[in-house]
Amino acid sequence: MRSFQSIVLIIPVLLLIDLYTYKGLMGLIKSRSQKFRISASVIYLATSLTVISVFIGLYLAFQKSPEDTARYQRLIWFNAMFVALFVFKLVYIFFEGLEDIKNGLRKLTRKQNYKEPPPPLESMVSRREFIRKTGIMVAAFPFLGVLHGVGWGRFRFTVHHSEIKFPNLPEAFHGLRIVQLSDAHLGGFYGNEEKLEEVVTIINDIKPDLLLFTGDMVNNFSSEMTGWTSLFSRMKAPLGKFAILGNHDYGDYSKWPSEEAKKANFDSIIRQEEEMGFKMLRNENVVIERNNEQIYLSGVENWGLPPFKQYGDLGKAMTGIPEDAFVVLLSHNPDHWVKQVHEKTKIPLTLSGHTHGFQFGLEIGNFKISPVQLMYKYWAGLYKSDNQYLYVNRGLGFLAFPGRVGIWPEITLIEMKRG
């Protein structure tokens, strides 16, 4: 029912964007023959309606059988084409809309000042044509960017290296190398096994002391992990491999025939992560020892602001940890750090994921921007407030849209220093 309501709400928006784009593009060919204009109109409208109809059909079919990997693959690949066209149209109508607003204001001003002669029709037509052609050229860049993100960007695994100094870090852990992975969403890597082989090679070449996974191994189903266990088990870290759960790991986004079926799916995810060599931290902590000194690794279950559920229990996860101990906290959603960790605890370092950096944005050096900033203040990279740090991993995989545009899949390397 909710899926149908979403479709009903989104169809008018898609049609309006299509019709407004159609208005502009047809304006560019109005000097052509009537036969050409009719043919172009039929092709454009038929293509647009077909794309919308097929996308809706694939989406509703997937909703009926979300565990069907083949249906999911068809949906996300068609979604890639849909997003590419949508981004092109959205950028183009920005130019078309600005010109319409400007012309509307000009007409309104002329009515108030009737003595002012209107501009020559030829100059208005020439300007409109220039704006429309500019809109097409500008819109082509994000369109091509989306195509690049689908073809290559989603596999552009990038190591982000941060060196962080802590005054209270035990001397034995000076130089500790932590690799963090997050948001693998393994269902999206179906048919691309060799790509994750590259991830294994990168991680083992880094030679981390600790390997930490901060949630969302799957989209929904334990079957997505089939075939990946041996590959993930080849990732090595002498001080251990540890993982927590993300919001997608609980199976909350699918309908289940029974609670028993949902629990069986959940238990299978836990079991397979353990077979990969990860110790699951479910509102608990472990001691990491090195040269007779200790730090603590604490992991909470998923905790997010509504509509995300709050399975995490920080108090339970910190049970037994001495007050002056050095703690690294694993918490999938960075909102948890904002609401329960920052300034409310003395935890010096928290590792999160969840945002994916929206899989779309721009990063140049220390400058980064993404639409996800409208939802999350802390969304990618390292943040510091007072003596507390938060690192938000950009995610290894992808969800829904099978691509990465400007925000590449991440392998995080954190070197901890005393100082």
Protein backbone atom coordinates (compact mmCIF):
# COMPACT_ATOMS: atom_id res chain seq x y z
CA MET A 1 0.00 0.00 0.00
CA ARG A 2 2.79 2.42 0.92
CA SER A 3 4.55 1.65 -2.39
CA PHE A 4 1.39 2.45 -4.35
CA GLN A 5 0.91 5.73 -2.46
CA SER A 6 4.51 6.72 -3.21
CA ILE A 7 3.98 6.03 -6.91
CA VAL A 8 0.77 8.08 -6.95
CA LEU A 9 2.60 11.04 -5.40
CA ILE A 10 5.66 10.92 -7.64
CA ILE A 11 3.96 10.43 -11.05
CA PRO A 12 2.60 14.03 -11.32
CA VAL A 13 6.03 15.43 -10.43
CA LEU A 14 7.77 13.31 -13.08
CA LEU A 15 5.19 14.27 -15.70
CA LEU A 16 5.53 17.99 -14.95
CA ILE A 17 9.32 17.79 -15.26
CA ASP A 18 8.94 15.90 -18.54
CA LEU A 19 6.42 18.36 -19.98
CA TYR A 20 8.52 21.38 -19.01
CA THR A 21 11.58 19.83 -20.61
CA TYR A 22 9.47 19.02 -23.67
CA LYS A 23 8.36 22.67 -23.91
CA GLY A 24 11.95 23.88 -24.01
CA LEU A 25 13.30 21.28 -26.41
CA MET A 26 10.41 21.75 -28.82
CA GLY A 27 11.07 25.47 -28.75
CA LEU A 28 14.52 24.82 -30.16
CA ILE A 29 13.16 23.08 -33.26
CA LYS A 30 10.14 25.26 -34.00
CA SER A 31 11.81 26.53 -37.18
CA ARG A 32 12.05 22.99 -38.54
CA SER A 33 9.40 21.37 -40.76
CA GLN A 34 6.08 20.32 -39.27
CA LYS A 35 6.81 16.67 -40.08
CA PHE A 36 10.12 16.84 -38.17
CA ARG A 37 8.47 18.52 -35.17
CA ILE A 38 5.71 15.92 -35.01
CA SER A 39 8.20 13.05 -35.25
CA ALA A 40 10.40 14.57 -32.53
CA SER A 41 7.36 15.12 -30.29
CA VAL A 42 6.17 11.54 -30.67
CA ILE A 43 9.64 10.11 -30.02
CA TYR A 44 10.22 12.29 -26.93
CA LEU A 45 6.81 11.72 -25.34
CA ALA A 46 6.76 7.99 -26.12
CA THR A 47 10.27 7.54 -24.71
CA SER A 48 9.50 9.50 -21.55
CA LEU A 49 6.23 7.69 -20.86
CA THR A 50 7.87 4.32 -21.55
CA VAL A 51 10.75 5.03 -19.15
CA ILE A 52 8.37 6.13 -16.38
CA SER A 53 6.03 3.17 -16.95
CA VAL A 54 8.79 0.56 -17.03
CA PHE A 55 10.43 2.02 -13.92
CA ILE A 56 7.12 1.92 -12.01
CA GLY A 57 6.46 -1.62 -13.22
CA LEU A 58 9.91 -2.86 -12.17
CA TYR A 59 9.60 -1.12 -8.80
CA LEU A 60 6.21 -2.67 -8.02
CA ALA A 61 7.44 -6.11 -9.19
CA PHE A 62 10.45 -5.81 -6.90
CA GLN A 63 8.20 -4.86 -3.99
CA LYS A 64 6.29 -8.11 -4.46
CA SER A 65 9.47 -10.23 -4.36
CA PRO A 66 12.28 -8.12 -2.85
CA GLU A 67 14.40 -11.20 -2.19
CA ASP A 68 14.58 -11.95 -5.95
CA THR A 69 18.14 -10.97 -6.90
CA ALA A 70 17.37 -10.92 -10.62
CA ARG A 71 14.48 -8.50 -10.12
CA TYR A 72 16.64 -6.29 -7.95
CA GLN A 73 19.36 -6.19 -10.60
CA ARG A 74 16.85 -5.26 -13.32
CA LEU A 75 15.45 -2.51 -11.12
CA ILE A 76 18.75 -0.91 -10.17
CA TRP A 77 20.09 -0.98 -13.74
CA PHE A 78 16.96 0.61 -15.10
CA ASN A 79 17.15 3.01 -12.18
CA ALA A 80 20.58 4.07 -13.42
CA MET A 81 19.14 5.12 -16.78
CA PHE A 82 16.18 6.74 -15.07
CA VAL A 83 18.42 8.79 -12.78
CA ALA A 84 20.68 9.87 -15.65
CA LEU A 85 17.72 11.19 -17.64
CA PHE A 86 16.10 12.74 -14.57
CA VAL A 87 19.27 14.64 -13.65
CA PHE A 88 19.58 15.94 -17.21
CA LYS A 89 15.99 17.19 -17.22
CA LEU A 90 16.22 18.70 -13.75
CA VAL A 91 19.31 20.74 -14.63
CA TYR A 92 17.85 21.78 -17.99
CA ILE A 93 14.52 23.06 -16.60
CA PHE A 94 16.45 25.21 -14.15
CA PHE A 95 17.59 27.31 -17.13
CA GLU A 96 14.19 27.18 -18.79
CA GLY A 97 12.51 28.20 -15.56
CA LEU A 98 14.84 31.13 -14.85
CA GLU A 99 14.16 32.55 -18.29
CA ASP A 100 10.40 32.17 -17.84
CA ILE A 101 10.57 33.92 -14.47
CA LYS A 102 12.64 36.74 -15.94
CA ASN A 103 10.23 37.21 -18.85
CA GLY A 104 7.28 37.14 -16.49
CA LEU A 105 8.81 39.84 -14.32
CA ARG A 106 9.59 41.90 -17.41
CA LYS A 107 5.95 41.73 -18.54
CA LEU A 108 4.75 42.66 -15.07
CA THR A 109 7.11 45.64 -14.99
CA ARG A 110 5.93 46.80 -18.43
CA LYS A 111 2.33 46.77 -17.28
CA GLN A 112 3.25 49.04 -14.39
CA ASN A 113 5.31 51.30 -16.66
CA TYR A 114 3.35 51.24 -19.94
CA LYS A 115 5.59 53.84 -21.60
CA GLU A 116 8.54 51.45 -21.75
CA PRO A 117 8.61 49.77 -25.18
CA PRO A 118 8.91 45.99 -25.27
CA PRO A 119 12.24 44.55 -26.45
CA PRO A 120 12.41 43.45 -30.10
CA LEU A 121 10.92 40.02 -30.66
CA GLU A 122 14.03 38.91 -32.53
CA SER A 123 16.28 39.64 -29.57
CA MET A 124 13.95 37.77 -27.17
CA VAL A 125 13.90 34.72 -29.44
CA SER A 126 17.67 34.79 -29.87
CA ARG A 127 18.22 35.04 -26.10
CA ARG A 128 15.75 32.23 -25.39
CA GLU A 129 17.48 29.99 -27.92
CA PHE A 130 20.86 30.77 -26.36
CA ILE A 131 19.58 29.97 -22.85
CA ARG A 132 18.07 26.71 -24.02
CA LYS A 133 21.25 25.60 -25.77
CA THR A 134 23.29 26.58 -22.71
CA GLY A 135 20.92 24.55 -20.54
CA ILE A 136 21.44 21.48 -22.72
CA MET A 137 25.22 21.81 -22.61
CA VAL A 138 25.32 22.33 -18.85
CA ALA A 139 22.87 19.47 -18.23
CA ALA A 140 25.09 17.16 -20.29
CA PHE A 141 27.85 17.30 -17.65
CA PRO A 142 25.88 15.71 -14.75
CA PHE A 143 24.27 13.32 -17.27
CA LEU A 144 27.71 12.08 -18.35
CA GLY A 145 28.81 12.12 -14.70
CA VAL A 146 25.99 9.73 -13.80
CA LEU A 147 26.97 7.41 -16.65
CA HIS A 148 30.59 7.50 -15.46
CA GLY A 149 29.46 6.80 -11.90
CA VAL A 150 27.55 3.72 -13.02
CA GLY A 151 30.25 2.38 -15.31
CA TRP A 152 33.38 3.17 -13.28
CA GLY A 153 32.70 5.29 -10.22
CA ARG A 154 31.07 2.55 -8.17
CA PHE A 155 34.30 0.55 -8.31
CA ARG A 156 36.70 3.43 -7.77
CA PHE A 157 37.78 2.20 -4.34
CA THR A 158 39.59 5.02 -2.57
CA VAL A 159 41.73 4.88 0.57
CA HIS A 160 41.14 7.85 2.88
CA HIS A 161 44.02 8.16 5.33
CA SER A 162 43.69 10.08 8.59
CA GLU A 163 46.32 10.44 11.32
CA ILE A 164 44.78 11.31 14.67
CA LYS A 165 46.64 12.26 17.84
CA PHE A 166 45.30 11.47 21.30
CA PRO A 167 46.98 12.62 24.53
CA ASN A 168 45.58 9.67 26.49
CA LEU A 169 46.37 6.91 24.00
CA PRO A 170 48.40 4.15 25.72
CA GLU A 171 52.01 4.16 24.51
CA ALA A 172 51.75 0.58 23.23
CA PHE A 173 49.10 1.69 20.72
CA HIS A 174 51.10 4.55 19.25
CA GLY A 175 51.01 3.95 15.48
CA LEU A 176 48.01 1.58 15.62
CA ARG A 177 46.59 1.12 12.11
CA ILE A 178 42.82 0.70 11.84
CA VAL A 179 41.04 -0.09 8.59
CA GLN A 180 37.35 0.70 8.61
CA LEU A 181 34.83 -0.63 6.11
CA SER A 182 31.13 0.18 6.08
CA ASP A 183 27.93 -0.24 4.08
CA ALA A 184 29.00 -3.05 1.76
CA HIS A 185 25.41 -3.78 0.61
CA LEU A 186 26.64 -6.99 -0.95
CA GLY A 187 23.49 -7.51 -3.01
CA GLY A 188 24.75 -4.80 -5.35
CA PHE A 189 27.99 -6.64 -6.17
CA TYR A 190 26.21 -9.59 -7.77
CA GLY A 191 28.19 -10.59 -10.87
CA ASN A 192 31.20 -8.42 -9.95
CA GLU A 193 33.11 -10.72 -7.64
CA GLU A 194 36.49 -9.68 -9.05
CA LYS A 195 35.90 -6.09 -7.92
CA LEU A 196 35.85 -7.06 -4.25
CA GLU A 197 39.00 -9.09 -4.83
CA GLU A 198 40.62 -5.69 -5.38
CA VAL A 199 39.35 -4.55 -1.97
CA VAL A 200 40.92 -7.57 -0.29
CA THR A 201 44.25 -6.82 -1.97
CA ILE A 202 44.16 -3.15 -0.93
CA ILE A 203 43.39 -4.00 2.69
CA ASN A 204 46.03 -6.69 3.01
CA ASP A 205 48.61 -4.39 1.41
CA ILE A 206 47.80 -1.75 4.06
CA LYS A 207 48.51 -4.35 6.78
CA PRO A 208 46.04 -3.07 9.39
CA ASP A 209 46.29 -4.01 13.05
CA LEU A 210 42.49 -3.89 13.41
CA LEU A 211 39.77 -4.34 10.78
CA LEU A 212 36.42 -2.80 11.74
CA PHE A 213 33.12 -3.00 9.86
CA THR A 214 30.46 -0.48 10.83
CA GLY A 215 27.24 -2.01 9.54
CA ASP A 216 24.98 -2.73 6.53
CA MET A 217 26.60 -5.83 5.13
CA VAL A 218 23.41 -6.46 3.11
CA ASN A 219 20.40 -4.63 1.72
CA ASN A 220 17.92 -6.90 3.46
CA PHE A 221 18.58 -10.58 2.93
CA SER A 222 21.16 -13.05 4.18
CA SER A 223 21.20 -14.67 0.72
CA GLU A 224 23.10 -11.60 -0.53
CA MET A 225 26.12 -12.87 1.42
CA THR A 226 26.24 -16.20 -0.41
CA GLY A 227 29.68 -16.67 -1.94
CA TRP A 228 31.35 -13.78 -0.14
CA THR A 229 32.34 -15.53 3.09
CA SER A 230 35.66 -16.92 1.87
CA LEU A 231 36.62 -13.62 0.25
CA PHE A 232 36.02 -11.53 3.40
CA SER A 233 37.74 -14.14 5.52
CA ARG A 234 40.95 -13.44 3.58
CA MET A 235 41.11 -9.90 4.98
CA LYS A 236 43.75 -10.04 7.72
CA ALA A 237 44.25 -8.04 10.91
CA PRO A 238 46.42 -9.48 13.73
CA LEU A 239 44.57 -7.72 16.57
CA GLY A 240 41.20 -8.85 15.29
CA LYS A 241 38.22 -8.18 13.01
CA PHE A 242 35.10 -6.69 14.59
CA ALA A 243 31.70 -5.65 13.22
CA ILE A 244 28.40 -4.06 14.20
CA LEU A 245 24.97 -4.05 12.60
CA GLY A 246 23.47 -1.34 10.41
CA ASN A 247 19.83 -0.48 9.83
CA HIS A 248 19.61 -2.73 6.74
CA ASP A 249 20.94 -5.80 8.53
CA TYR A 250 17.77 -6.31 10.59
CA GLY A 251 15.46 -7.05 7.64
CA ASP A 252 13.13 -4.23 8.67
CA TYR A 253 12.56 -3.08 5.08
CA SER A 254 10.87 -6.25 3.86
CA LYS A 255 7.63 -8.07 4.55
CA TRP A 256 8.15 -11.47 6.14
CA PRO A 257 5.71 -14.39 6.25
CA SER A 258 6.41 -14.70 9.99
CA GLU A 259 8.62 -13.38 12.76
CA GLU A 260 10.42 -16.71 12.67
CA ALA A 261 11.39 -16.16 9.03
CA LYS A 262 12.70 -12.67 9.81
CA LYS A 263 14.69 -14.00 12.76
CA ALA A 264 16.14 -16.82 10.65
CA ASN A 265 17.32 -14.25 8.09
CA PHE A 266 18.87 -12.12 10.83
CA ASP A 267 20.58 -15.09 12.48
CA SER A 268 22.01 -16.14 9.12
CA ILE A 269 23.54 -12.67 8.61
CA ILE A 270 25.17 -12.84 12.04
CA ARG A 271 26.45 -16.37 11.41
CA GLN A 272 27.94 -15.51 8.02
CA GLU A 273 29.68 -12.39 9.33
CA GLU A 274 31.23 -14.57 12.02
CA GLU A 275 32.32 -17.03 9.33
CA MET A 276 34.02 -14.08 7.63
CA GLY A 277 36.10 -13.75 10.78
CA PHE A 278 34.29 -10.82 12.40
CA LYS A 279 33.49 -10.73 16.09
CA MET A 280 30.03 -9.16 16.27
CA LEU A 281 29.65 -6.43 18.89
CA ARG A 282 26.00 -6.16 19.88
CA ASN A 283 25.85 -3.57 22.63
CA GLU A 284 29.04 -4.96 24.11
CA ASN A 285 32.76 -4.33 24.29
CA VAL A 286 36.07 -6.14 24.08
CA VAL A 287 39.56 -5.47 25.37
CA ILE A 288 42.38 -5.04 22.86
CA GLU A 289 45.77 -5.78 24.43
CA ARG A 290 49.22 -4.83 23.21
CA ASN A 291 52.46 -5.03 25.19
CA ASN A 292 50.54 -5.33 28.48
CA GLU A 293 48.49 -2.18 27.79
CA GLN A 294 44.82 -2.01 26.87
CA ILE A 295 42.25 -0.10 24.90
CA TYR A 296 38.55 -0.94 24.63
CA LEU A 297 36.49 -1.49 21.50
CA SER A 298 32.78 -0.88 22.07
CA GLY A 299 30.03 -1.58 19.55
CA VAL A 300 26.36 -0.58 19.63
CA GLU A 301 23.55 -1.93 17.53
CA ASN A 302 21.92 0.49 15.13
CA TRP A 303 20.63 3.72 16.66
CA GLY A 304 19.12 6.44 14.50
CA LEU A 305 16.62 9.24 14.57
CA PRO A 306 13.09 8.29 13.42
CA PRO A 307 12.14 6.65 11.14
CA PHE A 308 15.26 4.59 11.92
CA LYS A 309 14.90 2.23 14.87
CA GLN A 310 16.94 2.46 18.03
CA TYR A 311 18.32 -0.95 18.87
CA GLY A 312 21.51 0.51 20.31
CA ASP A 313 22.16 0.67 24.04
CA LEU A 314 25.28 2.72 24.74
CA GLY A 315 25.11 2.13 28.50
CA LYS A 316 25.13 -1.61 27.98
CA ALA A 317 27.90 -1.35 25.40
CA MET A 318 30.09 0.54 27.87
CA THR A 319 29.47 -1.78 30.82
CA GLY A 320 32.66 -2.75 32.62
CA ILE A 321 34.89 -0.20 30.91
CA PRO A 322 37.00 1.81 33.40
CA GLU A 323 36.27 5.54 33.38
CA ASP A 324 39.80 6.50 32.36
CA ALA A 325 40.12 3.83 29.62
CA PHE A 326 40.71 4.71 25.98
CA VAL A 327 37.65 3.68 23.93
CA VAL A 328 36.94 3.35 20.23
CA LEU A 329 33.18 3.23 19.61
CA LEU A 330 31.53 1.63 16.57
CA SER A 331 28.09 3.12 15.85
CA HIS A 332 26.53 2.86 12.39
CA ASN A 333 24.56 6.12 12.29
CA PRO A 334 26.45 9.40 12.94
CA ASP A 335 23.29 10.87 14.51
CA HIS A 336 24.00 8.61 17.48
CA TRP A 337 27.28 10.45 18.07
CA VAL A 338 25.43 13.77 17.99
CA LYS A 339 22.68 12.71 20.39
CA GLN A 340 24.35 10.38 22.87
CA VAL A 341 28.14 10.47 22.56
CA HIS A 342 29.41 13.98 21.87
CA GLU A 343 29.80 16.02 25.08
CA LYS A 344 27.86 13.35 26.99
CA THR A 345 30.74 10.87 27.22
CA LYS A 346 34.53 10.94 27.15
CA ILE A 347 34.76 8.54 24.19
CA PRO A 348 37.63 9.96 22.10
CA LEU A 349 36.91 8.23 18.76
CA THR A 350 33.67 7.06 17.14
CA LEU A 351 33.49 5.32 13.76
CA SER A 352 30.28 5.48 11.72
CA GLY A 353 28.95 5.01 8.20
CA HIS A 354 25.34 4.97 6.96
CA THR A 355 25.24 8.14 4.81
CA HIS A 356 27.08 6.80 1.72
CA GLY A 357 27.88 10.48 1.10
CA PHE A 358 24.60 10.19 -0.86
CA GLN A 359 26.74 8.47 -3.55
CA PHE A 360 26.61 11.84 -5.29
CA GLY A 361 28.57 15.02 -4.74
CA LEU A 362 31.87 16.76 -5.28
CA GLU A 363 35.16 16.44 -3.41
CA ILE A 364 38.22 18.50 -4.23
CA GLY A 365 40.89 18.41 -1.54
CA ASN A 366 39.28 19.39 1.75
CA PHE A 367 36.23 20.82 -0.01
CA LYS A 368 33.24 18.52 -0.25
CA ILE A 369 29.57 19.05 -0.97
CA SER A 370 26.62 16.68 -1.34
CA PRO A 371 22.82 16.78 -1.07
CA VAL A 372 23.17 14.52 1.98
CA GLN A 373 24.18 17.62 3.95
CA LEU A 374 20.50 18.54 4.04
CA MET A 375 19.94 15.48 6.26
CA TYR A 376 23.20 14.97 8.13
CA LYS A 377 25.58 17.51 9.60
CA TYR A 378 28.32 14.88 9.78
CA TRP A 379 28.31 12.85 6.59
CA ALA A 380 31.81 12.05 5.29
CA GLY A 381 35.33 12.05 6.68
CA LEU A 382 36.87 13.19 9.95
CA TYR A 383 35.25 15.62 12.37
CA LYS A 384 36.60 16.99 15.64
CA SER A 385 34.86 18.76 18.49
CA ASP A 386 36.87 19.52 21.63
CA ASN A 387 38.75 16.29 22.33
CA GLN A 388 36.31 13.98 20.57
CA TYR A 389 36.57 12.68 17.00
CA LEU A 390 33.97 11.21 14.67
CA TYR A 391 34.86 9.49 11.41
CA VAL A 392 32.06 8.84 8.90
CA ASN A 393 32.97 6.29 6.23
CA ARG A 394 31.51 6.95 2.76
CA GLY A 395 30.59 3.30 2.30
CA LEU A 396 32.01 0.50 0.16
CA GLY A 397 28.92 -0.42 -1.83
CA PHE A 398 25.80 1.28 -3.09
CA LEU A 399 22.07 1.18 -2.57
CA ALA A 400 19.24 1.66 -5.10
CA PHE A 401 21.32 3.71 -7.56
CA PRO A 402 24.12 1.48 -8.91
CA GLY A 403 26.75 4.16 -9.10
CA ARG A 404 28.99 6.70 -7.42
CA VAL A 405 29.29 10.23 -8.73
CA GLY A 406 32.06 12.26 -7.11
CA ILE A 407 31.77 10.41 -3.78
CA TRP A 408 33.82 7.28 -4.32
CA PRO A 409 33.57 3.97 -2.39
CA GLU A 410 35.84 4.18 0.64
CA ILE A 411 38.41 2.16 2.54
CA THR A 412 39.37 4.12 5.64
CA LEU A 413 42.84 3.97 7.16
CA ILE A 414 43.21 5.60 10.57
CA GLU A 415 46.61 5.82 12.22
CA MET A 416 46.38 6.54 15.91
CA LYS A 417 49.23 8.46 17.49
CA ARG A 418 49.99 9.49 21.04
CA GLY A 419 50.56 13.20 21.38
